[in-house]
Amino acid sequence: MNPSNTSADIEAAAAAWFARREGDSWTAADERALEAWLNGATAHRIAYLRLVAAWERSGRLQALGAGIPAGVIPPRGAWRFQAGDATSEPSVGSSKPGWLGRRAAALAAGLVAVTVAVSLWLVSVNHLPEYSTQVGVVATVPLSDGSTVTLNTNSQIHVHLTTARRVIRLDRGEAFFEVKKDPARPFVVESGDKRVTAVGTQFTVRRDQDDIRVMVTEGRVKMSRETLLSHSAATAVAAGSAAQTRDDTVLVEPEKPGQAEDLLSWRSGYVVFHDTPLAEAIAEFNRYNPRRIVIADPTIATLRIGGRFRFADSDAFLWLLQNGFPIHVAEDGASVRLTRR
């Protein structure tokens, strides 16, 4: 195989090797080929071991749970997939490609995109499927109507799809929706008493306590507020616009250049800052990492920072703070304290 040059190539190769090894056609020759690839570069081994470790932590059933009936365990080898013709990656095939294989393909693609293994939980609560992600994990959920939902870190949804309606309840976090057009079944995202309704479009909804922020990248949606006692007039939000609620009001503003790309960079494993106050940047980074970064000196909270960072690599972010700003970084148990230097 040709050597992989970029981190994306390495992550793709690691995911393809891992999927192939989990199949039922793994041979001694395959094992030798994998060892040769792992020994080819330290980055190869790191990418593969990180994937294996995360997979073991999440569990096979949890990671493959999207769309599988509760209590059904997929047999070994049932989730093989066609990895495609990407250069330097092994090709994996199956004589019985099916919905389970497609789920695994989506899983491997997610692993490559965010450099961490998907930890996707599926349980049944009141007969409604529930999907959630852990801190630092991004996962894509294919729905039975042909739509897909990509969950950001520490997010949770409940899904209710019937012949008459499609309702997604966003309990916490953020999700990007790619809605399969079906005029007979509007697609509704509920977040508290807020409603976002679409027919066929692409948009993201982020929940911040009782308020939401919506970015529409294709089509249009309608935002409204419903309680037991009232129903607000719907506010239209078109593609290229962002909207956020503040109690009973909806504020809509045109998209700024590059805003959608920045706000959706989490789908590729990044956070992006533009002249952002340090306190806001730290709050965003803390969404993706169990190790909390704490501003122990309020005089540095207003320092401005910019750049594009992998949210899984907080060490690189902290290195920048210590070497590019008058900031001292100190480990403090399970957290990191920032003070002025």
C-alpha atoms as a PDB file:
ATOM      1  CA  MET A   1       0.000   0.000   0.000  1.00  0.00           C
ATOM      2  CA  ASN A   2       1.067   3.569  -0.605  1.00  0.00           C
ATOM      3  CA  PRO A   3       1.940   5.565   2.497  1.00  0.00           C
ATOM      4  CA  SER A   4      -0.727   7.863   3.887  1.00  0.00           C
ATOM      5  CA  ASN A   5       0.390  11.465   3.987  1.00  0.00           C
ATOM      6  CA  THR A   6      -2.321  13.412   5.774  1.00  0.00           C
ATOM      7  CA  SER A   7      -4.022  12.875   9.125  1.00  0.00           C
ATOM      8  CA  ALA A   8      -7.325  12.303   7.310  1.00  0.00           C
ATOM      9  CA  ASP A   9      -5.703   9.569   5.182  1.00  0.00           C
ATOM     10  CA  ILE A  10      -4.234   7.931   8.267  1.00  0.00           C
ATOM     11  CA  GLU A  11      -7.530   8.040  10.142  1.00  0.00           C
ATOM     12  CA  ALA A  12      -9.391   6.632   7.125  1.00  0.00           C
ATOM     13  CA  ALA A  13      -6.899   3.780   6.792  1.00  0.00           C
ATOM     14  CA  ALA A  14      -7.100   3.020  10.514  1.00  0.00           C
ATOM     15  CA  ALA A  15     -10.899   2.882  10.386  1.00  0.00           C
ATOM     16  CA  ALA A  16     -10.845   0.620   7.315  1.00  0.00           C
ATOM     17  CA  TRP A  17      -8.285  -1.736   8.894  1.00  0.00           C
ATOM     18  CA  PHE A  18     -10.326  -1.894  12.080  1.00  0.00           C
ATOM     19  CA  ALA A  19     -13.577  -2.665  10.235  1.00  0.00           C
ATOM     20  CA  ARG A  20     -11.873  -5.384   8.212  1.00  0.00           C
ATOM     21  CA  ARG A  21     -10.342  -6.974  11.298  1.00  0.00           C
ATOM     22  CA  GLU A  22     -13.750  -7.132  12.981  1.00  0.00           C
ATOM     23  CA  GLY A  23     -15.161  -9.122  10.058  1.00  0.00           C
ATOM     24  CA  ASP A  24     -15.209 -12.916   9.891  1.00  0.00           C
ATOM     25  CA  SER A  25     -12.750 -13.258   6.972  1.00  0.00           C
ATOM     26  CA  TRP A  26      -9.639 -11.994   8.791  1.00  0.00           C
ATOM     27  CA  THR A  27      -6.577 -14.116   7.957  1.00  0.00           C
ATOM     28  CA  ALA A  28      -2.994 -14.479   9.136  1.00  0.00           C
ATOM     29  CA  ALA A  29      -1.889 -12.682   5.979  1.00  0.00           C
ATOM     30  CA  ASP A  30      -4.216  -9.804   6.857  1.00  0.00           C
ATOM     31  CA  GLU A  31      -2.667  -9.663  10.330  1.00  0.00           C
ATOM     32  CA  ARG A  32       0.828  -9.410   8.855  1.00  0.00           C
ATOM     33  CA  ALA A  33      -0.299  -6.678   6.477  1.00  0.00           C
ATOM     34  CA  LEU A  34      -1.835  -4.731   9.342  1.00  0.00           C
ATOM     35  CA  GLU A  35       1.356  -5.033  11.395  1.00  0.00           C
ATOM     36  CA  ALA A  36       3.354  -3.740   8.447  1.00  0.00           C
ATOM     37  CA  TRP A  37       1.060  -0.747   8.146  1.00  0.00           C
ATOM     38  CA  LEU A  38       1.224  -0.055  11.882  1.00  0.00           C
ATOM     39  CA  ASN A  39       5.021  -0.239  11.830  1.00  0.00           C
ATOM     40  CA  GLY A  40       5.194   2.086   8.843  1.00  0.00           C
ATOM     41  CA  ALA A  41       4.733   5.221  10.947  1.00  0.00           C
ATOM     42  CA  THR A  42       4.122   6.139  14.553  1.00  0.00           C
ATOM     43  CA  ALA A  43       1.048   8.118  13.469  1.00  0.00           C
ATOM     44  CA  HIS A  44      -0.457   4.919  12.025  1.00  0.00           C
ATOM     45  CA  ARG A  45      -0.159   3.072  15.322  1.00  0.00           C
ATOM     46  CA  ILE A  46      -1.474   6.007  17.363  1.00  0.00           C
ATOM     47  CA  ALA A  47      -4.543   6.412  15.134  1.00  0.00           C
ATOM     48  CA  TYR A  48      -5.336   2.697  15.234  1.00  0.00           C
ATOM     49  CA  LEU A  49      -4.816   2.251  18.986  1.00  0.00           C
ATOM     50  CA  ARG A  50      -6.903   5.334  19.748  1.00  0.00           C
ATOM     51  CA  LEU A  51      -9.738   3.931  17.662  1.00  0.00           C
ATOM     52  CA  VAL A  52      -9.534   0.489  19.305  1.00  0.00           C
ATOM     53  CA  ALA A  53      -9.430   1.945  22.822  1.00  0.00           C
ATOM     54  CA  ALA A  54     -12.438   4.189  22.228  1.00  0.00           C
ATOM     55  CA  TRP A  55     -14.365   1.334  20.640  1.00  0.00           C
ATOM     56  CA  GLU A  56     -13.736  -0.928  23.598  1.00  0.00           C
ATOM     57  CA  ARG A  57     -14.887   1.788  25.991  1.00  0.00           C
ATOM     58  CA  SER A  58     -18.131   2.421  24.156  1.00  0.00           C
ATOM     59  CA  GLY A  59     -18.961  -1.205  23.360  1.00  0.00           C
ATOM     60  CA  ARG A  60     -19.893  -2.690  19.996  1.00  0.00           C
ATOM     61  CA  LEU A  61     -23.628  -2.813  20.633  1.00  0.00           C
ATOM     62  CA  GLN A  62     -23.783   0.809  21.756  1.00  0.00           C
ATOM     63  CA  ALA A  63     -21.833   2.048  18.755  1.00  0.00           C
ATOM     64  CA  LEU A  64     -23.855  -0.003  16.274  1.00  0.00           C
ATOM     65  CA  GLY A  65     -27.159   0.575  18.027  1.00  0.00           C
ATOM     66  CA  ALA A  66     -28.576   3.156  15.640  1.00  0.00           C
ATOM     67  CA  GLY A  67     -31.616   1.550  14.045  1.00  0.00           C
ATOM     68  CA  ILE A  68     -31.148  -1.902  15.628  1.00  0.00           C
ATOM     69  CA  PRO A  69     -34.153  -3.154  17.649  1.00  0.00           C
ATOM     70  CA  ALA A  70     -33.603  -3.223  21.396  1.00  0.00           C
ATOM     71  CA  GLY A  71     -32.205  -6.539  22.579  1.00  0.00           C
ATOM     72  CA  VAL A  72     -30.870  -7.597  19.160  1.00  0.00           C
ATOM     73  CA  ILE A  73     -27.117  -8.172  19.100  1.00  0.00           C
ATOM     74  CA  PRO A  74     -25.548  -8.014  15.612  1.00  0.00           C
ATOM     75  CA  PRO A  75     -23.543 -11.194  14.908  1.00  0.00           C
ATOM     76  CA  ARG A  76     -19.810 -10.970  14.296  1.00  0.00           C
ATOM     77  CA  GLY A  77     -19.133 -10.253  10.654  1.00  0.00           C
ATOM     78  CA  ALA A  78     -22.661  -8.998   9.955  1.00  0.00           C
ATOM     79  CA  TRP A  79     -21.590  -5.365   9.708  1.00  0.00           C
ATOM     80  CA  ARG A  80     -18.889  -5.549   7.060  1.00  0.00           C
ATOM     81  CA  PHE A  81     -18.935  -2.735   4.527  1.00  0.00           C
ATOM     82  CA  GLN A  82     -17.418  -1.565   1.282  1.00  0.00           C
ATOM     83  CA  ALA A  83     -14.696   0.911   2.167  1.00  0.00           C
ATOM     84  CA  GLY A  84     -14.544   2.335  -1.348  1.00  0.00           C
ATOM     85  CA  ASP A  85     -11.525   2.941  -3.535  1.00  0.00           C
ATOM     86  CA  ALA A  86      -9.681   5.479  -1.392  1.00  0.00           C
ATOM     87  CA  THR A  87      -5.956   5.197  -1.950  1.00  0.00           C
ATOM     88  CA  SER A  88      -3.918   3.132   0.482  1.00  0.00           C
ATOM     89  CA  GLU A  89      -6.988   1.719   2.300  1.00  0.00           C
ATOM     90  CA  PRO A  90      -7.893  -1.988   2.253  1.00  0.00           C
ATOM     91  CA  SER A  91     -11.137  -2.817   0.462  1.00  0.00           C
ATOM     92  CA  VAL A  92     -13.712  -4.632   2.566  1.00  0.00           C
ATOM     93  CA  GLY A  93     -16.622  -6.424   0.949  1.00  0.00           C
ATOM     94  CA  SER A  94     -19.601  -8.515   1.945  1.00  0.00           C
ATOM     95  CA  SER A  95     -21.729 -10.938   0.013  1.00  0.00           C
ATOM     96  CA  LYS A  96     -24.738  -9.708   1.973  1.00  0.00           C
ATOM     97  CA  PRO A  97     -24.497  -5.910   2.159  1.00  0.00           C
ATOM     98  CA  GLY A  98     -27.529  -4.564   4.019  1.00  0.00           C
ATOM     99  CA  TRP A  99     -28.753  -1.899   6.344  1.00  0.00           C
ATOM    100  CA  LEU A 100     -26.382  -3.124   9.033  1.00  0.00           C
ATOM    101  CA  GLY A 101     -23.431  -2.739   6.674  1.00  0.00           C
ATOM    102  CA  ARG A 102     -24.496   0.789   5.808  1.00  0.00           C
ATOM    103  CA  ARG A 103     -24.670   1.653   9.506  1.00  0.00           C
ATOM    104  CA  ALA A 104     -21.089   0.451   9.924  1.00  0.00           C
ATOM    105  CA  ALA A 105     -19.936   2.476   6.925  1.00  0.00           C
ATOM    106  CA  ALA A 106     -21.470   5.574   8.461  1.00  0.00           C
ATOM    107  CA  LEU A 107     -19.821   4.698  11.758  1.00  0.00           C
ATOM    108  CA  ALA A 108     -16.361   4.396  10.211  1.00  0.00           C
ATOM    109  CA  ALA A 109     -16.842   7.685   8.362  1.00  0.00           C
ATOM    110  CA  GLY A 110     -17.729   9.350  11.640  1.00  0.00           C
ATOM    111  CA  LEU A 111     -14.615   7.966  13.272  1.00  0.00           C
ATOM    112  CA  VAL A 112     -12.493   9.466  10.508  1.00  0.00           C
ATOM    113  CA  ALA A 113     -14.214  12.848  10.620  1.00  0.00           C
ATOM    114  CA  VAL A 114     -13.723  13.570  14.295  1.00  0.00           C
ATOM    115  CA  THR A 115     -10.738  11.344  15.139  1.00  0.00           C
ATOM    116  CA  VAL A 116     -12.574   9.683  17.987  1.00  0.00           C
ATOM    117  CA  ALA A 117     -14.737   6.574  18.043  1.00  0.00           C
ATOM    118  CA  VAL A 118     -18.457   7.114  18.019  1.00  0.00           C
ATOM    119  CA  SER A 119     -20.119   6.337  21.325  1.00  0.00           C
ATOM    120  CA  LEU A 120     -23.781   6.299  20.381  1.00  0.00           C
ATOM    121  CA  TRP A 121     -26.293   5.082  22.925  1.00  0.00           C
ATOM    122  CA  LEU A 122     -29.717   3.746  21.999  1.00  0.00           C
ATOM    123  CA  VAL A 123     -32.287   2.934  24.660  1.00  0.00           C
ATOM    124  CA  SER A 124     -36.050   2.777  24.793  1.00  0.00           C
ATOM    125  CA  VAL A 125     -37.846   5.243  27.028  1.00  0.00           C
ATOM    126  CA  ASN A 126     -41.623   5.239  26.796  1.00  0.00           C
ATOM    127  CA  HIS A 127     -41.232   3.419  23.466  1.00  0.00           C
ATOM    128  CA  LEU A 128     -39.359   6.366  21.915  1.00  0.00           C
ATOM    129  CA  PRO A 129     -35.819   5.703  20.654  1.00  0.00           C
ATOM    130  CA  GLU A 130     -33.237   7.814  22.459  1.00  0.00           C
ATOM    131  CA  TYR A 131     -29.836   8.656  21.012  1.00  0.00           C
ATOM    132  CA  SER A 132     -27.102  10.397  22.968  1.00  0.00           C
ATOM    133  CA  THR A 133     -23.396  11.139  22.753  1.00  0.00           C
ATOM    134  CA  GLN A 134     -20.790  11.414  25.452  1.00  0.00           C
ATOM    135  CA  VAL A 135     -18.567  14.444  26.031  1.00  0.00           C
ATOM    136  CA  GLY A 136     -16.169  14.905  23.117  1.00  0.00           C
ATOM    137  CA  VAL A 137     -18.052  12.566  20.770  1.00  0.00           C
ATOM    138  CA  VAL A 138     -19.856  13.366  17.503  1.00  0.00           C
ATOM    139  CA  ALA A 139     -22.155  10.772  15.916  1.00  0.00           C
ATOM    140  CA  THR A 140     -24.437  10.516  12.883  1.00  0.00           C
ATOM    141  CA  VAL A 141     -27.807   8.785  13.253  1.00  0.00           C
ATOM    142  CA  PRO A 142     -29.604   7.607  10.086  1.00  0.00           C
ATOM    143  CA  LEU A 143     -33.384   7.747  10.526  1.00  0.00           C
ATOM    144  CA  SER A 144     -35.882   5.382   8.958  1.00  0.00           C
ATOM    145  CA  ASP A 145     -37.484   8.164   6.870  1.00  0.00           C
ATOM    146  CA  GLY A 146     -34.205   8.804   5.029  1.00  0.00           C
ATOM    147  CA  SER A 147     -33.206  11.819   7.122  1.00  0.00           C
ATOM    148  CA  THR A 148     -30.014  11.945   9.163  1.00  0.00           C
ATOM    149  CA  VAL A 149     -29.151  13.618  12.451  1.00  0.00           C
ATOM    150  CA  THR A 150     -25.582  14.431  13.487  1.00  0.00           C
ATOM    151  CA  LEU A 151     -25.257  14.833  17.244  1.00  0.00           C
ATOM    152  CA  ASN A 152     -22.647  17.124  18.732  1.00  0.00           C
ATOM    153  CA  THR A 153     -20.870  16.503  22.036  1.00  0.00           C
ATOM    154  CA  ASN A 154     -22.971  15.587  25.085  1.00  0.00           C
ATOM    155  CA  SER A 155     -26.246  15.743  23.157  1.00  0.00           C
ATOM    156  CA  GLN A 156     -29.450  13.748  23.409  1.00  0.00           C
ATOM    157  CA  ILE A 157     -32.562  13.360  21.263  1.00  0.00           C
ATOM    158  CA  HIS A 158     -35.761  11.325  21.317  1.00  0.00           C
ATOM    159  CA  VAL A 159     -37.178  10.269  17.943  1.00  0.00           C
ATOM    160  CA  HIS A 160     -40.854   9.787  17.125  1.00  0.00           C
ATOM    161  CA  LEU A 161     -41.550   8.887  13.496  1.00  0.00           C
ATOM    162  CA  THR A 162     -45.031   7.852  12.395  1.00  0.00           C
ATOM    163  CA  THR A 163     -46.996   7.863   9.158  1.00  0.00           C
ATOM    164  CA  ALA A 164     -48.492  11.215  10.167  1.00  0.00           C
ATOM    165  CA  ARG A 165     -45.588  13.138  11.677  1.00  0.00           C
ATOM    166  CA  ARG A 166     -41.865  13.284  12.368  1.00  0.00           C
ATOM    167  CA  VAL A 167     -40.891  14.729  15.737  1.00  0.00           C
ATOM    168  CA  ILE A 168     -37.389  14.988  17.220  1.00  0.00           C
ATOM    169  CA  ARG A 169     -37.085  16.144  20.813  1.00  0.00           C
ATOM    170  CA  LEU A 170     -33.745  17.797  21.539  1.00  0.00           C
ATOM    171  CA  ASP A 171     -33.223  17.223  25.249  1.00  0.00           C
ATOM    172  CA  ARG A 172     -29.771  18.772  25.398  1.00  0.00           C
ATOM    173  CA  GLY A 173     -26.816  19.791  23.259  1.00  0.00           C
ATOM    174  CA  GLU A 174     -26.779  20.378  19.520  1.00  0.00           C
ATOM    175  CA  ALA A 175     -27.753  18.531  16.367  1.00  0.00           C
ATOM    176  CA  PHE A 176     -27.485  19.027  12.612  1.00  0.00           C
ATOM    177  CA  PHE A 177     -30.506  17.816  10.638  1.00  0.00           C
ATOM    178  CA  GLU A 178     -30.534  16.750   6.978  1.00  0.00           C
ATOM    179  CA  VAL A 179     -34.232  16.282   6.357  1.00  0.00           C
ATOM    180  CA  LYS A 180     -35.667  13.995   3.684  1.00  0.00           C
ATOM    181  CA  LYS A 181     -38.396  15.950   1.910  1.00  0.00           C
ATOM    182  CA  ASP A 182     -41.911  14.709   2.698  1.00  0.00           C
ATOM    183  CA  PRO A 183     -44.622  17.401   2.432  1.00  0.00           C
ATOM    184  CA  ALA A 184     -47.160  15.092   4.079  1.00  0.00           C
ATOM    185  CA  ARG A 185     -45.000  14.767   7.199  1.00  0.00           C
ATOM    186  CA  PRO A 186     -43.411  18.015   8.391  1.00  0.00           C
ATOM    187  CA  PHE A 187     -40.215  17.500  10.353  1.00  0.00           C
ATOM    188  CA  VAL A 188     -40.448  19.126  13.794  1.00  0.00           C
ATOM    189  CA  VAL A 189     -37.626  19.634  16.282  1.00  0.00           C
ATOM    190  CA  GLU A 190     -38.867  20.308  19.809  1.00  0.00           C
ATOM    191  CA  SER A 191     -36.692  21.946  22.462  1.00  0.00           C
ATOM    192  CA  GLY A 192     -38.657  22.785  25.570  1.00  0.00           C
ATOM    193  CA  ASP A 193     -41.538  24.947  24.368  1.00  0.00           C
ATOM    194  CA  LYS A 194     -39.686  25.946  21.179  1.00  0.00           C
ATOM    195  CA  ARG A 195     -40.527  24.378  17.792  1.00  0.00           C
ATOM    196  CA  VAL A 196     -38.513  24.325  14.562  1.00  0.00           C
ATOM    197  CA  THR A 197     -40.512  22.965  11.616  1.00  0.00           C
ATOM    198  CA  ALA A 198     -39.185  21.944   8.190  1.00  0.00           C
ATOM    199  CA  VAL A 199     -40.282  19.853   5.212  1.00  0.00           C
ATOM    200  CA  GLY A 200     -36.984  19.173   3.451  1.00  0.00           C
ATOM    201  CA  THR A 201     -33.950  21.190   4.445  1.00  0.00           C
ATOM    202  CA  GLN A 202     -30.664  21.278   6.373  1.00  0.00           C
ATOM    203  CA  PHE A 203     -30.237  23.137   9.622  1.00  0.00           C
ATOM    204  CA  THR A 204     -28.661  22.958  13.044  1.00  0.00           C
ATOM    205  CA  VAL A 205     -30.300  23.511  16.422  1.00  0.00           C
ATOM    206  CA  ARG A 206     -28.313  24.206  19.564  1.00  0.00           C
ATOM    207  CA  ARG A 207     -30.043  24.235  22.925  1.00  0.00           C
ATOM    208  CA  ASP A 208     -28.828  26.612  25.632  1.00  0.00           C
ATOM    209  CA  GLN A 209     -31.038  25.928  28.640  1.00  0.00           C
ATOM    210  CA  ASP A 210     -34.487  27.212  27.592  1.00  0.00           C
ATOM    211  CA  ASP A 211     -33.331  29.031  24.448  1.00  0.00           C
ATOM    212  CA  ILE A 212     -32.164  27.720  21.084  1.00  0.00           C
ATOM    213  CA  ARG A 213     -29.928  28.877  18.246  1.00  0.00           C
ATOM    214  CA  VAL A 214     -30.734  27.827  14.673  1.00  0.00           C
ATOM    215  CA  MET A 215     -28.569  28.026  11.553  1.00  0.00           C
ATOM    216  CA  VAL A 216     -30.231  27.144   8.225  1.00  0.00           C
ATOM    217  CA  THR A 217     -27.895  26.029   5.445  1.00  0.00           C
ATOM    218  CA  GLU A 218     -30.509  24.839   2.920  1.00  0.00           C
ATOM    219  CA  GLY A 219     -34.223  25.474   2.443  1.00  0.00           C
ATOM    220  CA  ARG A 220     -36.142  27.218   5.199  1.00  0.00           C
ATOM    221  CA  VAL A 221     -37.658  26.475   8.597  1.00  0.00           C
ATOM    222  CA  LYS A 222     -40.314  28.020  10.824  1.00  0.00           C
ATOM    223  CA  MET A 223     -39.689  28.761  14.491  1.00  0.00           C
ATOM    224  CA  SER A 224     -42.476  29.045  17.045  1.00  0.00           C
ATOM    225  CA  ARG A 225     -43.203  28.719  20.742  1.00  0.00           C
ATOM    226  CA  GLU A 226     -45.947  26.507  22.109  1.00  0.00           C
ATOM    227  CA  THR A 227     -47.166  26.075  25.658  1.00  0.00           C
ATOM    228  CA  LEU A 228     -50.331  24.710  27.183  1.00  0.00           C
ATOM    229  CA  LEU A 229     -51.749  28.227  27.219  1.00  0.00           C
ATOM    230  CA  SER A 230     -50.367  29.879  24.098  1.00  0.00           C
ATOM    231  CA  HIS A 231     -49.093  29.410  20.568  1.00  0.00           C
ATOM    232  CA  SER A 232     -46.814  32.074  19.062  1.00  0.00           C
ATOM    233  CA  ALA A 233     -46.829  33.117  15.424  1.00  0.00           C
ATOM    234  CA  ALA A 234     -44.218  31.253  13.373  1.00  0.00           C
ATOM    235  CA  THR A 235     -41.056  33.082  12.322  1.00  0.00           C
ATOM    236  CA  ALA A 236     -39.579  32.050   8.972  1.00  0.00           C
ATOM    237  CA  VAL A 237     -35.822  31.500   8.776  1.00  0.00           C
ATOM    238  CA  ALA A 238     -34.374  31.054   5.276  1.00  0.00           C
ATOM    239  CA  ALA A 239     -31.131  29.467   4.122  1.00  0.00           C
ATOM    240  CA  GLY A 240     -28.171  31.665   4.896  1.00  0.00           C
ATOM    241  CA  SER A 241     -29.759  33.030   8.059  1.00  0.00           C
ATOM    242  CA  ALA A 242     -29.244  32.409  11.750  1.00  0.00           C
ATOM    243  CA  ALA A 243     -31.829  32.829  14.488  1.00  0.00           C
ATOM    244  CA  GLN A 244     -31.884  32.603  18.243  1.00  0.00           C
ATOM    245  CA  THR A 245     -34.593  32.858  20.850  1.00  0.00           C
ATOM    246  CA  ARG A 246     -34.592  35.114  23.876  1.00  0.00           C
ATOM    247  CA  ASP A 247     -37.537  34.131  26.052  1.00  0.00           C
ATOM    248  CA  ASP A 248     -40.587  34.925  23.875  1.00  0.00           C
ATOM    249  CA  THR A 249     -38.751  36.636  21.007  1.00  0.00           C
ATOM    250  CA  VAL A 250     -36.957  35.280  17.934  1.00  0.00           C
ATOM    251  CA  LEU A 251     -34.021  37.261  16.559  1.00  0.00           C
ATOM    252  CA  VAL A 252     -33.154  36.569  12.902  1.00  0.00           C
ATOM    253  CA  GLU A 253     -30.021  37.902  11.217  1.00  0.00           C
ATOM    254  CA  PRO A 254     -28.377  37.268   7.819  1.00  0.00           C
ATOM    255  CA  GLU A 255     -25.466  34.874   7.835  1.00  0.00           C
ATOM    256  CA  LYS A 256     -22.085  36.531   8.116  1.00  0.00           C
ATOM    257  CA  PRO A 257     -19.322  35.424   5.701  1.00  0.00           C
ATOM    258  CA  GLY A 258     -18.058  32.015   6.813  1.00  0.00           C
ATOM    259  CA  GLN A 259     -20.428  31.881   9.782  1.00  0.00           C
ATOM    260  CA  ALA A 260     -22.131  28.619   8.806  1.00  0.00           C
ATOM    261  CA  GLU A 261     -18.810  26.892   8.167  1.00  0.00           C
ATOM    262  CA  ASP A 262     -17.503  28.027  11.547  1.00  0.00           C
ATOM    263  CA  LEU A 263     -20.640  27.085  13.470  1.00  0.00           C
ATOM    264  CA  LEU A 264     -20.706  23.649  11.854  1.00  0.00           C
ATOM    265  CA  SER A 265     -16.969  22.959  12.111  1.00  0.00           C
ATOM    266  CA  TRP A 266     -17.683  20.612  15.027  1.00  0.00           C
ATOM    267  CA  ARG A 267     -18.897  18.021  12.515  1.00  0.00           C
ATOM    268  CA  SER A 268     -15.273  17.709  11.365  1.00  0.00           C
ATOM    269  CA  GLY A 269     -13.844  17.775  14.886  1.00  0.00           C
ATOM    270  CA  TYR A 270     -12.920  21.467  15.139  1.00  0.00           C
ATOM    271  CA  VAL A 271     -13.860  24.647  16.983  1.00  0.00           C
ATOM    272  CA  VAL A 272     -13.184  27.999  15.314  1.00  0.00           C
ATOM    273  CA  PHE A 273     -12.623  31.335  17.044  1.00  0.00           C
ATOM    274  CA  HIS A 274     -12.429  34.831  15.537  1.00  0.00           C
ATOM    275  CA  ASP A 275     -11.274  37.514  17.956  1.00  0.00           C
ATOM    276  CA  THR A 276     -13.205  35.639  20.647  1.00  0.00           C
ATOM    277  CA  PRO A 277     -12.930  36.552  24.349  1.00  0.00           C
ATOM    278  CA  LEU A 278     -10.908  33.892  26.142  1.00  0.00           C
ATOM    279  CA  ALA A 279     -13.779  33.155  28.536  1.00  0.00           C
ATOM    280  CA  GLU A 280     -16.065  32.260  25.607  1.00  0.00           C
ATOM    281  CA  ALA A 281     -13.376  30.168  23.918  1.00  0.00           C
ATOM    282  CA  ILE A 282     -12.741  28.251  27.144  1.00  0.00           C
ATOM    283  CA  ALA A 283     -16.469  27.626  27.618  1.00  0.00           C
ATOM    284  CA  GLU A 284     -16.663  26.208  24.086  1.00  0.00           C
ATOM    285  CA  PHE A 285     -13.611  23.986  24.576  1.00  0.00           C
ATOM    286  CA  ASN A 286     -15.015  22.679  27.854  1.00  0.00           C
ATOM    287  CA  ARG A 287     -18.080  21.360  26.008  1.00  0.00           C
ATOM    288  CA  TYR A 288     -15.875  18.755  24.353  1.00  0.00           C
ATOM    289  CA  ASN A 289     -13.472  17.754  27.136  1.00  0.00           C
ATOM    290  CA  PRO A 290     -14.012  16.127  30.539  1.00  0.00           C
ATOM    291  CA  ARG A 291     -10.855  17.863  31.783  1.00  0.00           C
ATOM    292  CA  ARG A 292     -12.108  21.331  32.630  1.00  0.00           C
ATOM    293  CA  ILE A 293     -10.139  24.481  31.830  1.00  0.00           C
ATOM    294  CA  VAL A 294     -10.657  27.084  34.545  1.00  0.00           C
ATOM    295  CA  ILE A 295      -9.853  30.801  34.336  1.00  0.00           C
ATOM    296  CA  ALA A 296      -8.502  31.414  37.831  1.00  0.00           C
ATOM    297  CA  ASP A 297      -7.542  35.023  37.109  1.00  0.00           C
ATOM    298  CA  PRO A 298     -10.422  37.189  35.815  1.00  0.00           C
ATOM    299  CA  THR A 299      -7.978  39.707  34.306  1.00  0.00           C
ATOM    300  CA  ILE A 300      -7.250  37.311  31.429  1.00  0.00           C
ATOM    301  CA  ALA A 301     -10.893  36.472  30.675  1.00  0.00           C
ATOM    302  CA  THR A 302     -11.216  39.262  28.095  1.00  0.00           C
ATOM    303  CA  LEU A 303      -8.060  38.446  26.131  1.00  0.00           C
ATOM    304  CA  ARG A 304      -8.950  37.827  22.479  1.00  0.00           C
ATOM    305  CA  ILE A 305      -8.069  34.629  20.660  1.00  0.00           C
ATOM    306  CA  GLY A 306      -8.510  33.338  17.122  1.00  0.00           C
ATOM    307  CA  GLY A 307      -7.773  30.134  15.261  1.00  0.00           C
ATOM    308  CA  ARG A 308      -9.035  26.706  14.277  1.00  0.00           C
ATOM    309  CA  PHE A 309      -8.466  23.931  16.830  1.00  0.00           C
ATOM    310  CA  ARG A 310      -9.236  20.245  17.100  1.00  0.00           C
ATOM    311  CA  PHE A 311     -11.552  20.022  20.073  1.00  0.00           C
ATOM    312  CA  ALA A 312     -10.065  16.643  21.046  1.00  0.00           C
ATOM    313  CA  ASP A 313      -6.587  18.188  21.326  1.00  0.00           C
ATOM    314  CA  SER A 314      -6.819  20.536  24.297  1.00  0.00           C
ATOM    315  CA  ASP A 315      -3.061  20.235  24.875  1.00  0.00           C
ATOM    316  CA  ALA A 316      -2.350  22.099  21.613  1.00  0.00           C
ATOM    317  CA  PHE A 317      -4.813  24.809  22.611  1.00  0.00           C
ATOM    318  CA  LEU A 318      -3.208  25.171  26.050  1.00  0.00           C
ATOM    319  CA  TRP A 319       0.261  25.241  24.490  1.00  0.00           C
ATOM    320  CA  LEU A 320      -0.826  28.187  22.345  1.00  0.00           C
ATOM    321  CA  LEU A 321      -2.205  30.035  25.355  1.00  0.00           C
ATOM    322  CA  GLN A 322       1.005  29.598  27.340  1.00  0.00           C
ATOM    323  CA  ASN A 323       3.370  30.433  24.487  1.00  0.00           C
ATOM    324  CA  GLY A 324       1.404  33.140  22.715  1.00  0.00           C
ATOM    325  CA  PHE A 325      -0.221  34.994  25.604  1.00  0.00           C
ATOM    326  CA  PRO A 326       0.789  36.168  29.074  1.00  0.00           C
ATOM    327  CA  ILE A 327      -0.893  33.119  30.538  1.00  0.00           C
ATOM    328  CA  HIS A 328       0.418  30.469  32.918  1.00  0.00           C
ATOM    329  CA  VAL A 329      -1.083  26.979  32.518  1.00  0.00           C
ATOM    330  CA  ALA A 330      -1.073  24.666  35.533  1.00  0.00           C
ATOM    331  CA  GLU A 331      -2.547  21.195  36.054  1.00  0.00           C
ATOM    332  CA  ASP A 332      -4.815  21.032  39.090  1.00  0.00           C
ATOM    333  CA  GLY A 333      -6.128  17.509  39.521  1.00  0.00           C
ATOM    334  CA  ALA A 334      -8.890  16.910  37.002  1.00  0.00           C
ATOM    335  CA  SER A 335      -8.789  20.506  35.761  1.00  0.00           C
ATOM    336  CA  VAL A 336      -6.377  23.033  34.267  1.00  0.00           C
ATOM    337  CA  ARG A 337      -5.995  26.472  35.874  1.00  0.00           C
ATOM    338  CA  LEU A 338      -5.146  29.578  33.867  1.00  0.00           C
ATOM    339  CA  THR A 339      -3.571  32.602  35.529  1.00  0.00           C
ATOM    340  CA  ARG A 340      -1.771  35.701  34.287  1.00  0.00           C
ATOM    341  CA  ARG A 341       1.978  35.284  33.848  1.00  0.00           C
END
